[in-house]
């Protein structure tokens, strides 16, 4: 015969709760301390405790889910509540999760305060603590532990947040729909068939709209990410290869700029414009050079502004040498004519 206390728990259940609080607190604190050495960002630290809690609670829920779906009469939650072994195991897992909620707020206040949202952090955790206290007193913990299979998407999310290489939005979406929407709806219908609009049915139904809202936000996030990837791919694809400018980093031989009088190295003009507008009045190819400069693409024009001062110096020096050569040739021709 169970000896019931004033708070609605048996002696053995109280012992399980006390031992679980002490043991789970030590395990979670050591877990966080060890993982803190390997994570760097505040977001990663915020998911360290969630990674452990979601793994233990989701794995611990599997025997209860199996009982509800396959072993017991389908959806008969009363049969699940009558098994004393499952009851004690459920009390321990429920207490473990409550310990996680407290430590997440306590450690988060000091180590990742900016990642504790007022609604999904403080309000969510405090509400859960109140609900789970009621669950323990009413001996409904086996039903709660069966619902802990909903922590599988949380485990996938936490794993992807701690190790970005393991992030999988597709797997998260599949597990979220199958557990937090499909299985949750099944549990609500099972509770309604037994208790109608009783406390269990109302408690289960209260969280389903929140899950639907979260999944809607996830879909909106995926749409934004898809649009960003699409814009990025389009911007990379539309850049023609003809606009790529390669700058030769080898020393430029200034003597190679010297050519016959009246000619200009148009390839160098196209790649490296002078720092100031040049005087083309003495060149016979003035119009052709101007047309080449006007037809330069925008991205090439931006690259020209980034050209080094050394290349600009070579350009100006080449123009000066060509002008001097033309003046010398002109003076020489005048001298020859005078003689």
C-alpha atoms as a PDB file:
ATOM      1  CA  UNK A   1       0.000   0.000   0.000  1.00  0.00           C
ATOM      2  CA  UNK A   2       1.485   3.340  -1.016  1.00  0.00           C
ATOM      3  CA  UNK A   3       2.117   5.781   1.772  1.00  0.00           C
ATOM      4  CA  UNK A   4       0.976   9.110   0.359  1.00  0.00           C
ATOM      5  CA  UNK A   5       2.445  12.339   1.659  1.00  0.00           C
ATOM      6  CA  UNK A   6       0.672  15.633   1.943  1.00  0.00           C
ATOM      7  CA  UNK A   7       2.265  16.824  -1.290  1.00  0.00           C
ATOM      8  CA  UNK A   8       0.863  13.819  -3.186  1.00  0.00           C
ATOM      9  CA  UNK A   9       4.108  11.799  -3.547  1.00  0.00           C
ATOM     10  CA  UNK A  10       5.128   8.486  -2.045  1.00  0.00           C
ATOM     11  CA  UNK A  11       8.275   8.002   0.055  1.00  0.00           C
ATOM     12  CA  UNK A  12      10.064   6.154  -2.703  1.00  0.00           C
ATOM     13  CA  UNK A  13       9.154   8.830  -5.251  1.00  0.00           C
ATOM     14  CA  UNK A  14      10.571  11.532  -2.971  1.00  0.00           C
ATOM     15  CA  UNK A  15      13.828   9.562  -2.628  1.00  0.00           C
ATOM     16  CA  UNK A  16      14.037   9.204  -6.404  1.00  0.00           C
ATOM     17  CA  UNK A  17      13.489  12.944  -6.815  1.00  0.00           C
ATOM     18  CA  UNK A  18      16.167  13.915  -4.273  1.00  0.00           C
ATOM     19  CA  UNK A  19      18.766  11.494  -5.624  1.00  0.00           C
ATOM     20  CA  UNK A  20      18.029  12.537  -9.183  1.00  0.00           C
ATOM     21  CA  UNK A  21      18.399  16.248  -8.384  1.00  0.00           C
ATOM     22  CA  UNK A  22      21.839  15.745  -6.834  1.00  0.00           C
ATOM     23  CA  UNK A  23      23.138  13.285  -9.429  1.00  0.00           C
ATOM     24  CA  UNK A  24      21.792  15.108 -12.496  1.00  0.00           C
ATOM     25  CA  UNK A  25      23.063  18.484 -11.235  1.00  0.00           C
ATOM     26  CA  UNK A  26      26.607  17.120 -10.879  1.00  0.00           C
ATOM     27  CA  UNK A  27      26.489  15.417 -14.279  1.00  0.00           C
ATOM     28  CA  UNK A  28      25.189  18.489 -16.084  1.00  0.00           C
ATOM     29  CA  UNK A  29      27.663  20.861 -14.411  1.00  0.00           C
ATOM     30  CA  UNK A  30      30.604  18.608 -15.293  1.00  0.00           C
ATOM     31  CA  UNK A  31      29.254  18.228 -18.822  1.00  0.00           C
ATOM     32  CA  UNK A  32      29.043  21.976 -19.310  1.00  0.00           C
ATOM     33  CA  UNK A  33      32.497  22.583 -17.802  1.00  0.00           C
ATOM     34  CA  UNK A  34      34.110  20.036 -20.116  1.00  0.00           C
ATOM     35  CA  UNK A  35      32.340  21.268 -23.232  1.00  0.00           C
ATOM     36  CA  UNK A  36      33.040  24.915 -22.474  1.00  0.00           C
ATOM     37  CA  UNK A  37      36.701  24.299 -23.327  1.00  0.00           C
ATOM     38  CA  UNK A  38      35.803  23.261 -26.867  1.00  0.00           C
ATOM     39  CA  UNK A  39      33.203  25.893 -27.774  1.00  0.00           C
ATOM     40  CA  UNK A  40      33.907  29.543 -28.410  1.00  0.00           C
ATOM     41  CA  UNK A  41      30.738  31.459 -29.196  1.00  0.00           C
ATOM     42  CA  UNK A  42      27.914  32.337 -26.834  1.00  0.00           C
ATOM     43  CA  UNK A  43      25.432  30.538 -29.085  1.00  0.00           C
ATOM     44  CA  UNK A  44      27.383  27.283 -28.786  1.00  0.00           C
ATOM     45  CA  UNK A  45      27.513  27.526 -24.992  1.00  0.00           C
ATOM     46  CA  UNK A  46      23.755  28.094 -24.911  1.00  0.00           C
ATOM     47  CA  UNK A  47      23.150  24.665 -26.491  1.00  0.00           C
ATOM     48  CA  UNK A  48      25.632  22.585 -24.465  1.00  0.00           C
ATOM     49  CA  UNK A  49      23.185  21.680 -21.697  1.00  0.00           C
ATOM     50  CA  UNK A  50      20.327  21.277 -24.186  1.00  0.00           C
ATOM     51  CA  UNK A  51      22.419  18.749 -26.106  1.00  0.00           C
ATOM     52  CA  UNK A  52      22.722  16.468 -23.050  1.00  0.00           C
ATOM     53  CA  UNK A  53      19.187  16.987 -21.743  1.00  0.00           C
ATOM     54  CA  UNK A  54      17.456  16.424 -25.083  1.00  0.00           C
ATOM     55  CA  UNK A  55      19.478  13.267 -25.736  1.00  0.00           C
ATOM     56  CA  UNK A  56      18.707  11.649 -22.367  1.00  0.00           C
ATOM     57  CA  UNK A  57      15.028  12.590 -22.298  1.00  0.00           C
ATOM     58  CA  UNK A  58      14.364  11.596 -25.936  1.00  0.00           C
ATOM     59  CA  UNK A  59      16.109   8.222 -25.529  1.00  0.00           C
ATOM     60  CA  UNK A  60      14.382   7.667 -22.180  1.00  0.00           C
ATOM     61  CA  UNK A  61      11.001   8.337 -23.779  1.00  0.00           C
ATOM     62  CA  UNK A  62      11.297   5.551 -26.365  1.00  0.00           C
ATOM     63  CA  UNK A  63      10.120   2.702 -24.054  1.00  0.00           C
ATOM     64  CA  UNK A  64       7.079   4.783 -23.082  1.00  0.00           C
ATOM     65  CA  UNK A  65       6.283   5.587 -26.731  1.00  0.00           C
ATOM     66  CA  UNK A  66       6.565   1.901 -27.580  1.00  0.00           C
ATOM     67  CA  UNK A  67       4.117   1.052 -24.801  1.00  0.00           C
ATOM     68  CA  UNK A  68       1.621   3.642 -26.025  1.00  0.00           C
ATOM     69  CA  UNK A  69       1.831   2.731 -29.719  1.00  0.00           C
ATOM     70  CA  UNK A  70       2.420  -1.043 -29.803  1.00  0.00           C
ATOM     71  CA  UNK A  71       2.352  -2.910 -26.493  1.00  0.00           C
ATOM     72  CA  UNK A  72      -0.591  -1.522 -24.559  1.00  0.00           C
ATOM     73  CA  UNK A  73      -4.050  -1.044 -26.109  1.00  0.00           C
ATOM     74  CA  UNK A  74      -3.392   1.740 -28.606  1.00  0.00           C
ATOM     75  CA  UNK A  75      -3.774   5.113 -26.959  1.00  0.00           C
ATOM     76  CA  UNK A  76      -4.697   3.675 -23.530  1.00  0.00           C
ATOM     77  CA  UNK A  77      -2.828   6.142 -21.307  1.00  0.00           C
ATOM     78  CA  UNK A  78      -4.408   4.750 -18.136  1.00  0.00           C
ATOM     79  CA  UNK A  79      -2.544   1.455 -18.568  1.00  0.00           C
ATOM     80  CA  UNK A  80       0.713   3.407 -18.794  1.00  0.00           C
ATOM     81  CA  UNK A  81      -0.023   5.144 -15.473  1.00  0.00           C
ATOM     82  CA  UNK A  82      -0.686   1.855 -13.649  1.00  0.00           C
ATOM     83  CA  UNK A  83       2.825   0.379 -14.122  1.00  0.00           C
ATOM     84  CA  UNK A  84       4.896   1.159 -10.996  1.00  0.00           C
ATOM     85  CA  UNK A  85       8.264   0.541 -12.674  1.00  0.00           C
ATOM     86  CA  UNK A  86       7.458   2.967 -15.465  1.00  0.00           C
ATOM     87  CA  UNK A  87       6.189   5.409 -12.850  1.00  0.00           C
ATOM     88  CA  UNK A  88       9.502   5.512 -10.935  1.00  0.00           C
ATOM     89  CA  UNK A  89      11.522   5.780 -14.145  1.00  0.00           C
ATOM     90  CA  UNK A  90       9.274   8.590 -15.309  1.00  0.00           C
ATOM     91  CA  UNK A  91       9.681  10.442 -11.999  1.00  0.00           C
ATOM     92  CA  UNK A  92      13.462  10.282 -12.380  1.00  0.00           C
ATOM     93  CA  UNK A  93      13.432  11.545 -15.985  1.00  0.00           C
ATOM     94  CA  UNK A  94      10.969  14.296 -15.128  1.00  0.00           C
ATOM     95  CA  UNK A  95      13.186  15.444 -12.259  1.00  0.00           C
ATOM     96  CA  UNK A  96      16.232  15.355 -14.523  1.00  0.00           C
ATOM     97  CA  UNK A  97      14.482  17.645 -16.992  1.00  0.00           C
ATOM     98  CA  UNK A  98      13.404  20.028 -14.219  1.00  0.00           C
ATOM     99  CA  UNK A  99      17.016  20.186 -13.028  1.00  0.00           C
ATOM    100  CA  UNK A 100      18.082  21.076 -16.553  1.00  0.00           C
ATOM    101  CA  UNK A 101      15.550  23.922 -16.673  1.00  0.00           C
ATOM    102  CA  UNK A 102      16.927  25.411 -13.462  1.00  0.00           C
ATOM    103  CA  UNK A 103      20.592  25.034 -14.453  1.00  0.00           C
ATOM    104  CA  UNK A 104      19.950  26.433 -17.926  1.00  0.00           C
ATOM    105  CA  UNK A 105      18.651  29.654 -16.375  1.00  0.00           C
ATOM    106  CA  UNK A 106      21.314  29.766 -13.659  1.00  0.00           C
ATOM    107  CA  UNK A 107      24.345  29.071 -15.871  1.00  0.00           C
ATOM    108  CA  UNK A 108      22.878  31.067 -18.718  1.00  0.00           C
ATOM    109  CA  UNK A 109      22.648  34.158 -16.522  1.00  0.00           C
ATOM    110  CA  UNK A 110      26.437  34.124 -16.178  1.00  0.00           C
ATOM    111  CA  UNK A 111      27.695  32.440 -19.353  1.00  0.00           C
ATOM    112  CA  UNK A 112      25.229  33.170 -22.200  1.00  0.00           C
ATOM    113  CA  UNK A 113      22.817  35.794 -20.907  1.00  0.00           C
ATOM    114  CA  UNK A 114      22.168  37.331 -24.350  1.00  0.00           C
ATOM    115  CA  UNK A 115      20.905  33.981 -25.662  1.00  0.00           C
ATOM    116  CA  UNK A 116      18.197  33.560 -23.014  1.00  0.00           C
ATOM    117  CA  UNK A 117      15.136  35.058 -24.617  1.00  0.00           C
ATOM    118  CA  UNK A 118      12.564  36.470 -22.173  1.00  0.00           C
ATOM    119  CA  UNK A 119       9.719  34.474 -23.770  1.00  0.00           C
ATOM    120  CA  UNK A 120      11.361  31.214 -24.891  1.00  0.00           C
ATOM    121  CA  UNK A 121      13.783  31.301 -21.969  1.00  0.00           C
ATOM    122  CA  UNK A 122      12.478  32.685 -18.695  1.00  0.00           C
ATOM    123  CA  UNK A 123       8.737  32.406 -19.334  1.00  0.00           C
ATOM    124  CA  UNK A 124       9.043  29.011 -21.050  1.00  0.00           C
ATOM    125  CA  UNK A 125      11.255  27.464 -18.358  1.00  0.00           C
ATOM    126  CA  UNK A 126       9.308  28.840 -15.400  1.00  0.00           C
ATOM    127  CA  UNK A 127       6.024  27.681 -16.940  1.00  0.00           C
ATOM    128  CA  UNK A 128       7.462  24.213 -17.524  1.00  0.00           C
ATOM    129  CA  UNK A 129       8.677  24.021 -13.915  1.00  0.00           C
ATOM    130  CA  UNK A 130       5.182  24.824 -12.662  1.00  0.00           C
ATOM    131  CA  UNK A 131       3.523  22.320 -15.014  1.00  0.00           C
ATOM    132  CA  UNK A 132       5.985  19.535 -14.136  1.00  0.00           C
ATOM    133  CA  UNK A 133       5.506  20.119 -10.417  1.00  0.00           C
ATOM    134  CA  UNK A 134       1.786  19.558 -10.984  1.00  0.00           C
ATOM    135  CA  UNK A 135       2.583  16.495 -13.145  1.00  0.00           C
ATOM    136  CA  UNK A 136       4.634  14.893 -10.343  1.00  0.00           C
ATOM    137  CA  UNK A 137       1.975  15.526  -7.718  1.00  0.00           C
ATOM    138  CA  UNK A 138      -0.774  14.087  -9.950  1.00  0.00           C
ATOM    139  CA  UNK A 139       1.366  11.058 -10.963  1.00  0.00           C
ATOM    140  CA  UNK A 140       1.158  11.955 -14.639  1.00  0.00           C
ATOM    141  CA  UNK A 141       4.920  11.781 -15.196  1.00  0.00           C
ATOM    142  CA  UNK A 142       4.732   8.671 -17.506  1.00  0.00           C
ATOM    143  CA  UNK A 143       2.603  10.678 -19.936  1.00  0.00           C
ATOM    144  CA  UNK A 144       5.087  13.557 -19.797  1.00  0.00           C
ATOM    145  CA  UNK A 145       8.031  11.227 -20.435  1.00  0.00           C
ATOM    146  CA  UNK A 146       6.199   9.720 -23.407  1.00  0.00           C
ATOM    147  CA  UNK A 147       5.895  13.272 -24.712  1.00  0.00           C
ATOM    148  CA  UNK A 148       9.662  13.749 -24.269  1.00  0.00           C
ATOM    149  CA  UNK A 149      10.089  12.126 -27.690  1.00  0.00           C
ATOM    150  CA  UNK A 150       9.381  15.675 -28.839  1.00  0.00           C
ATOM    151  CA  UNK A 151      12.928  16.503 -27.686  1.00  0.00           C
ATOM    152  CA  UNK A 152      14.433  14.709 -30.711  1.00  0.00           C
ATOM    153  CA  UNK A 153      14.238  17.875 -32.878  1.00  0.00           C
ATOM    154  CA  UNK A 154      15.804  19.806 -29.979  1.00  0.00           C
ATOM    155  CA  UNK A 155      18.718  17.350 -29.941  1.00  0.00           C
ATOM    156  CA  UNK A 156      19.250  17.781 -33.702  1.00  0.00           C
ATOM    157  CA  UNK A 157      19.099  21.560 -33.339  1.00  0.00           C
ATOM    158  CA  UNK A 158      21.533  21.566 -30.402  1.00  0.00           C
ATOM    159  CA  UNK A 159      23.950  19.231 -32.194  1.00  0.00           C
ATOM    160  CA  UNK A 160      23.961  21.449 -35.269  1.00  0.00           C
ATOM    161  CA  UNK A 161      24.494  24.537 -33.126  1.00  0.00           C
ATOM    162  CA  UNK A 162      27.440  23.085 -31.223  1.00  0.00           C
ATOM    163  CA  UNK A 163      28.932  21.409 -34.334  1.00  0.00           C
ATOM    164  CA  UNK A 164      27.923  23.315 -37.441  1.00  0.00           C
ATOM    165  CA  UNK A 165      29.050  20.446 -39.684  1.00  0.00           C
ATOM    166  CA  UNK A 166      26.257  18.278 -38.238  1.00  0.00           C
ATOM    167  CA  UNK A 167      23.484  20.768 -38.916  1.00  0.00           C
ATOM    168  CA  UNK A 168      20.638  19.331 -40.995  1.00  0.00           C
ATOM    169  CA  UNK A 169      17.557  21.477 -41.541  1.00  0.00           C
ATOM    170  CA  UNK A 170      15.861  18.677 -43.456  1.00  0.00           C
ATOM    171  CA  UNK A 171      16.274  16.154 -40.638  1.00  0.00           C
ATOM    172  CA  UNK A 172      15.132  18.754 -38.128  1.00  0.00           C
ATOM    173  CA  UNK A 173      11.986  19.476 -40.153  1.00  0.00           C
ATOM    174  CA  UNK A 174      11.138  15.761 -40.557  1.00  0.00           C
ATOM    175  CA  UNK A 175      11.537  14.974 -36.867  1.00  0.00           C
ATOM    176  CA  UNK A 176       9.687  18.145 -35.869  1.00  0.00           C
ATOM    177  CA  UNK A 177       6.638  17.273 -37.980  1.00  0.00           C
ATOM    178  CA  UNK A 178       6.600  13.591 -36.980  1.00  0.00           C
ATOM    179  CA  UNK A 179       6.950  14.223 -33.240  1.00  0.00           C
ATOM    180  CA  UNK A 180       5.744  17.706 -32.326  1.00  0.00           C
ATOM    181  CA  UNK A 181       2.785  17.736 -34.680  1.00  0.00           C
ATOM    182  CA  UNK A 182       1.775  14.175 -35.691  1.00  0.00           C
ATOM    183  CA  UNK A 183       2.588  12.308 -32.454  1.00  0.00           C
ATOM    184  CA  UNK A 184       1.449  15.246 -30.346  1.00  0.00           C
ATOM    185  CA  UNK A 185      -1.907  15.247 -32.138  1.00  0.00           C
ATOM    186  CA  UNK A 186      -2.198  11.492 -31.548  1.00  0.00           C
ATOM    187  CA  UNK A 187      -1.598  11.933 -27.823  1.00  0.00           C
ATOM    188  CA  UNK A 188      -4.208  14.694 -27.621  1.00  0.00           C
ATOM    189  CA  UNK A 189      -6.777  12.487 -29.345  1.00  0.00           C
ATOM    190  CA  UNK A 190      -5.918   9.571 -27.006  1.00  0.00           C
ATOM    191  CA  UNK A 191      -6.293  11.785 -23.954  1.00  0.00           C
ATOM    192  CA  UNK A 192      -9.566  13.194 -25.245  1.00  0.00           C
ATOM    193  CA  UNK A 193     -10.990   9.694 -25.772  1.00  0.00           C
ATOM    194  CA  UNK A 194     -10.300   8.866 -22.101  1.00  0.00           C
ATOM    195  CA  UNK A 195     -10.634  12.131 -20.233  1.00  0.00           C
ATOM    196  CA  UNK A 196     -12.592  14.354 -22.614  1.00  0.00           C
ATOM    197  CA  UNK A 197     -11.770  17.938 -21.617  1.00  0.00           C
ATOM    198  CA  UNK A 198      -9.903  16.885 -18.507  1.00  0.00           C
ATOM    199  CA  UNK A 199      -6.670  18.357 -17.198  1.00  0.00           C
ATOM    200  CA  UNK A 200      -4.418  16.033 -19.208  1.00  0.00           C
ATOM    201  CA  UNK A 201      -6.179  16.825 -22.474  1.00  0.00           C
ATOM    202  CA  UNK A 202      -6.034  20.567 -21.868  1.00  0.00           C
ATOM    203  CA  UNK A 203      -2.356  20.420 -20.823  1.00  0.00           C
ATOM    204  CA  UNK A 204      -1.406  18.507 -23.961  1.00  0.00           C
ATOM    205  CA  UNK A 205      -3.492  20.716 -26.230  1.00  0.00           C
ATOM    206  CA  UNK A 206      -2.029  23.933 -24.800  1.00  0.00           C
ATOM    207  CA  UNK A 207       1.414  23.322 -26.354  1.00  0.00           C
ATOM    208  CA  UNK A 208       0.365  22.222 -29.850  1.00  0.00           C
ATOM    209  CA  UNK A 209      -0.348  25.775 -31.147  1.00  0.00           C
ATOM    210  CA  UNK A 210       3.105  26.833 -29.925  1.00  0.00           C
ATOM    211  CA  UNK A 211       4.735  24.020 -31.899  1.00  0.00           C
ATOM    212  CA  UNK A 212       2.790  24.980 -35.010  1.00  0.00           C
ATOM    213  CA  UNK A 213       3.900  28.598 -34.570  1.00  0.00           C
ATOM    214  CA  UNK A 214       7.538  27.543 -34.216  1.00  0.00           C
ATOM    215  CA  UNK A 215       7.350  25.407 -37.336  1.00  0.00           C
ATOM    216  CA  UNK A 216       5.803  28.288 -39.277  1.00  0.00           C
ATOM    217  CA  UNK A 217       8.737  30.461 -38.217  1.00  0.00           C
ATOM    218  CA  UNK A 218      11.126  27.717 -39.350  1.00  0.00           C
ATOM    219  CA  UNK A 219       9.502  27.638 -42.796  1.00  0.00           C
ATOM    220  CA  UNK A 220       9.819  31.417 -43.081  1.00  0.00           C
ATOM    221  CA  UNK A 221      13.483  31.173 -42.136  1.00  0.00           C
ATOM    222  CA  UNK A 222      14.109  28.539 -44.804  1.00  0.00           C
ATOM    223  CA  UNK A 223      12.441  30.741 -47.417  1.00  0.00           C
ATOM    224  CA  UNK A 224      14.734  33.640 -46.539  1.00  0.00           C
ATOM    225  CA  UNK A 225      17.812  31.415 -46.678  1.00  0.00           C
ATOM    226  CA  UNK A 226      16.715  30.029 -50.059  1.00  0.00           C
ATOM    227  CA  UNK A 227      16.258  33.524 -51.490  1.00  0.00           C
ATOM    228  CA  UNK A 228      19.685  34.554 -50.213  1.00  0.00           C
ATOM    229  CA  UNK A 229      21.348  31.512 -51.779  1.00  0.00           C
ATOM    230  CA  UNK A 230      19.479  32.120 -55.030  1.00  0.00           C
ATOM    231  CA  UNK A 231      20.596  35.763 -55.219  1.00  0.00           C
ATOM    232  CA  UNK A 232      24.162  34.763 -54.444  1.00  0.00           C
ATOM    233  CA  UNK A 233      24.208  32.123 -57.194  1.00  0.00           C
ATOM    234  CA  UNK A 234      22.728  34.561 -59.730  1.00  0.00           C
ATOM    235  CA  UNK A 235      25.300  37.253 -58.889  1.00  0.00           C
ATOM    236  CA  UNK A 236      28.116  34.759 -59.441  1.00  0.00           C
ATOM    237  CA  UNK A 237      26.674  33.382 -62.691  1.00  0.00           C
ATOM    238  CA  UNK A 238      26.015  36.679 -64.499  1.00  0.00           C
ATOM    239  CA  UNK A 239      29.610  37.914 -64.235  1.00  0.00           C
ATOM    240  CA  UNK A 240      31.156  37.338 -67.689  1.00  0.00           C
ATOM    241  CA  UNK A 241      34.644  35.960 -67.865  1.00  0.00           C
ATOM    242  CA  UNK A 242      35.672  38.726 -70.277  1.00  0.00           C
ATOM    243  CA  UNK A 243      35.561  41.291 -67.485  1.00  0.00           C
ATOM    244  CA  UNK A 244      38.240  39.585 -65.407  1.00  0.00           C
ATOM    245  CA  UNK A 245      41.369  41.665 -65.128  1.00  0.00           C
ATOM    246  CA  UNK A 246      44.686  39.975 -64.447  1.00  0.00           C
ATOM    247  CA  UNK A 247      47.547  42.181 -63.301  1.00  0.00           C
ATOM    248  CA  UNK A 248      51.026  40.982 -64.078  1.00  0.00           C
ATOM    249  CA  UNK A 249      53.025  41.242 -60.879  1.00  0.00           C
ATOM    250  CA  UNK A 250      56.389  40.922 -62.681  1.00  0.00           C
ATOM    251  CA  UNK A 251      58.502  44.116 -63.043  1.00  0.00           C
ATOM    252  CA  UNK A 252      57.463  46.108 -66.099  1.00  0.00           C
ATOM    253  CA  UNK A 253      60.178  46.944 -68.579  1.00  0.00           C
ATOM    254  CA  UNK A 254      59.789  50.646 -69.313  1.00  0.00           C
ATOM    255  CA  UNK A 255      61.712  50.335 -72.555  1.00  0.00           C
ATOM    256  CA  UNK A 256      58.992  48.084 -73.904  1.00  0.00           C
ATOM    257  CA  UNK A 257      56.654  51.094 -73.875  1.00  0.00           C
ATOM    258  CA  UNK A 258      58.760  52.873 -76.456  1.00  0.00           C
ATOM    259  CA  UNK A 259      57.393  52.300 -79.897  1.00  0.00           C
ATOM    260  CA  UNK A 260      57.481  54.102 -83.193  1.00  0.00           C
ATOM    261  CA  UNK A 261      56.465  57.770 -83.130  1.00  0.00           C
ATOM    262  CA  UNK A 262      52.747  58.399 -83.127  1.00  0.00           C
ATOM    263  CA  UNK A 263      51.801  54.973 -81.738  1.00  0.00           C
ATOM    264  CA  UNK A 264      50.404  54.247 -78.283  1.00  0.00           C
ATOM    265  CA  UNK A 265      50.220  50.982 -76.357  1.00  0.00           C
ATOM    266  CA  UNK A 266      46.421  50.755 -76.304  1.00  0.00           C
ATOM    267  CA  UNK A 267      46.426  47.526 -74.274  1.00  0.00           C
ATOM    268  CA  UNK A 268      48.142  49.274 -71.355  1.00  0.00           C
ATOM    269  CA  UNK A 269      45.742  52.201 -71.693  1.00  0.00           C
ATOM    270  CA  UNK A 270      42.808  49.823 -71.493  1.00  0.00           C
ATOM    271  CA  UNK A 271      44.138  48.186 -68.327  1.00  0.00           C
ATOM    272  CA  UNK A 272      45.647  51.145 -66.484  1.00  0.00           C
ATOM    273  CA  UNK A 273      44.256  54.625 -66.970  1.00  0.00           C
ATOM    274  CA  UNK A 274      46.449  57.604 -66.026  1.00  0.00           C
ATOM    275  CA  UNK A 275      45.936  59.236 -62.642  1.00  0.00           C
ATOM    276  CA  UNK A 276      44.980  62.505 -64.370  1.00  0.00           C
ATOM    277  CA  UNK A 277      43.386  63.161 -67.773  1.00  0.00           C
ATOM    278  CA  UNK A 278      46.056  62.905 -70.449  1.00  0.00           C
ATOM    279  CA  UNK A 279      46.532  65.327 -73.317  1.00  0.00           C
ATOM    280  CA  UNK A 280      45.906  63.392 -76.512  1.00  0.00           C
ATOM    281  CA  UNK A 281      46.140  66.410 -78.813  1.00  0.00           C
ATOM    282  CA  UNK A 282      49.413  65.283 -80.304  1.00  0.00           C
ATOM    283  CA  UNK A 283      48.292  61.691 -80.964  1.00  0.00           C
ATOM    284  CA  UNK A 284      46.791  60.573 -84.234  1.00  0.00           C
ATOM    285  CA  UNK A 285      44.809  57.755 -82.507  1.00  0.00           C
ATOM    286  CA  UNK A 286      43.026  60.038 -80.001  1.00  0.00           C
ATOM    287  CA  UNK A 287      39.476  59.100 -81.012  1.00  0.00           C
ATOM    288  CA  UNK A 288      40.161  55.379 -81.024  1.00  0.00           C
ATOM    289  CA  UNK A 289      41.655  55.498 -77.504  1.00  0.00           C
ATOM    290  CA  UNK A 290      38.760  57.544 -76.185  1.00  0.00           C
ATOM    291  CA  UNK A 291      36.238  55.040 -77.569  1.00  0.00           C
ATOM    292  CA  UNK A 292      38.118  52.173 -75.913  1.00  0.00           C
ATOM    293  CA  UNK A 293      38.062  53.977 -72.568  1.00  0.00           C
ATOM    294  CA  UNK A 294      34.338  54.766 -72.847  1.00  0.00           C
ATOM    295  CA  UNK A 295      33.449  51.132 -73.556  1.00  0.00           C
ATOM    296  CA  UNK A 296      35.134  49.774 -70.419  1.00  0.00           C
ATOM    297  CA  UNK A 297      32.672  47.799 -68.188  1.00  0.00           C
ATOM    298  CA  UNK A 298      31.751  49.128 -64.754  1.00  0.00           C
ATOM    299  CA  UNK A 299      33.533  46.419 -62.786  1.00  0.00           C
ATOM    300  CA  UNK A 300      36.703  46.991 -64.833  1.00  0.00           C
ATOM    301  CA  UNK A 301      36.453  50.701 -64.108  1.00  0.00           C
ATOM    302  CA  UNK A 302      36.331  49.903 -60.393  1.00  0.00           C
ATOM    303  CA  UNK A 303      39.420  47.732 -60.774  1.00  0.00           C
ATOM    304  CA  UNK A 304      41.205  50.586 -62.498  1.00  0.00           C
ATOM    305  CA  UNK A 305      40.714  52.771 -59.451  1.00  0.00           C
ATOM    306  CA  UNK A 306      42.383  50.079 -57.372  1.00  0.00           C
ATOM    307  CA  UNK A 307      45.479  49.932 -59.622  1.00  0.00           C
ATOM    308  CA  UNK A 308      48.765  50.499 -57.865  1.00  0.00           C
ATOM    309  CA  UNK A 309      50.569  53.850 -57.931  1.00  0.00           C
ATOM    310  CA  UNK A 310      53.565  52.147 -59.465  1.00  0.00           C
ATOM    311  CA  UNK A 311      51.605  51.123 -62.547  1.00  0.00           C
ATOM    312  CA  UNK A 312      50.210  54.640 -62.848  1.00  0.00           C
ATOM    313  CA  UNK A 313      53.756  55.981 -62.637  1.00  0.00           C
ATOM    314  CA  UNK A 314      54.873  53.686 -65.433  1.00  0.00           C
ATOM    315  CA  UNK A 315      51.933  54.859 -67.507  1.00  0.00           C
ATOM    316  CA  UNK A 316      52.691  58.569 -66.997  1.00  0.00           C
ATOM    317  CA  UNK A 317      56.372  57.966 -67.623  1.00  0.00           C
ATOM    318  CA  UNK A 318      55.585  56.191 -70.876  1.00  0.00           C
ATOM    319  CA  UNK A 319      53.404  59.064 -72.067  1.00  0.00           C
ATOM    320  CA  UNK A 320      56.110  61.596 -71.151  1.00  0.00           C
ATOM    321  CA  UNK A 321      58.774  59.639 -72.990  1.00  0.00           C
ATOM    322  CA  UNK A 322      56.607  59.370 -76.087  1.00  0.00           C
ATOM    323  CA  UNK A 323      55.897  63.104 -76.012  1.00  0.00           C
ATOM    324  CA  UNK A 324      59.603  63.876 -75.627  1.00  0.00           C
ATOM    325  CA  UNK A 325      60.436  61.516 -78.491  1.00  0.00           C
ATOM    326  CA  UNK A 326      57.870  63.211 -80.727  1.00  0.00           C
ATOM    327  CA  UNK A 327      59.228  66.665 -79.822  1.00  0.00           C
ATOM    328  CA  UNK A 328      62.787  65.545 -80.578  1.00  0.00           C
ATOM    329  CA  UNK A 329      61.695  64.057 -83.902  1.00  0.00           C
ATOM    330  CA  UNK A 330      59.791  67.219 -84.727  1.00  0.00           C
ATOM    331  CA  UNK A 331      62.809  69.410 -83.869  1.00  0.00           C
ATOM    332  CA  UNK A 332      65.054  67.120 -85.892  1.00  0.00           C
ATOM    333  CA  UNK A 333      62.760  67.374 -88.926  1.00  0.00           C
ATOM    334  CA  UNK A 334      62.773  71.164 -88.669  1.00  0.00           C
ATOM    335  CA  UNK A 335      66.542  71.199 -88.473  1.00  0.00           C
ATOM    336  CA  UNK A 336      66.830  68.962 -91.512  1.00  0.00           C
ATOM    337  CA  UNK A 337      64.433  71.177 -93.461  1.00  0.00           C
ATOM    338  CA  UNK A 338      66.344  74.319 -92.500  1.00  0.00           C
ATOM    339  CA  UNK A 339      69.589  72.805 -93.738  1.00  0.00           C
END
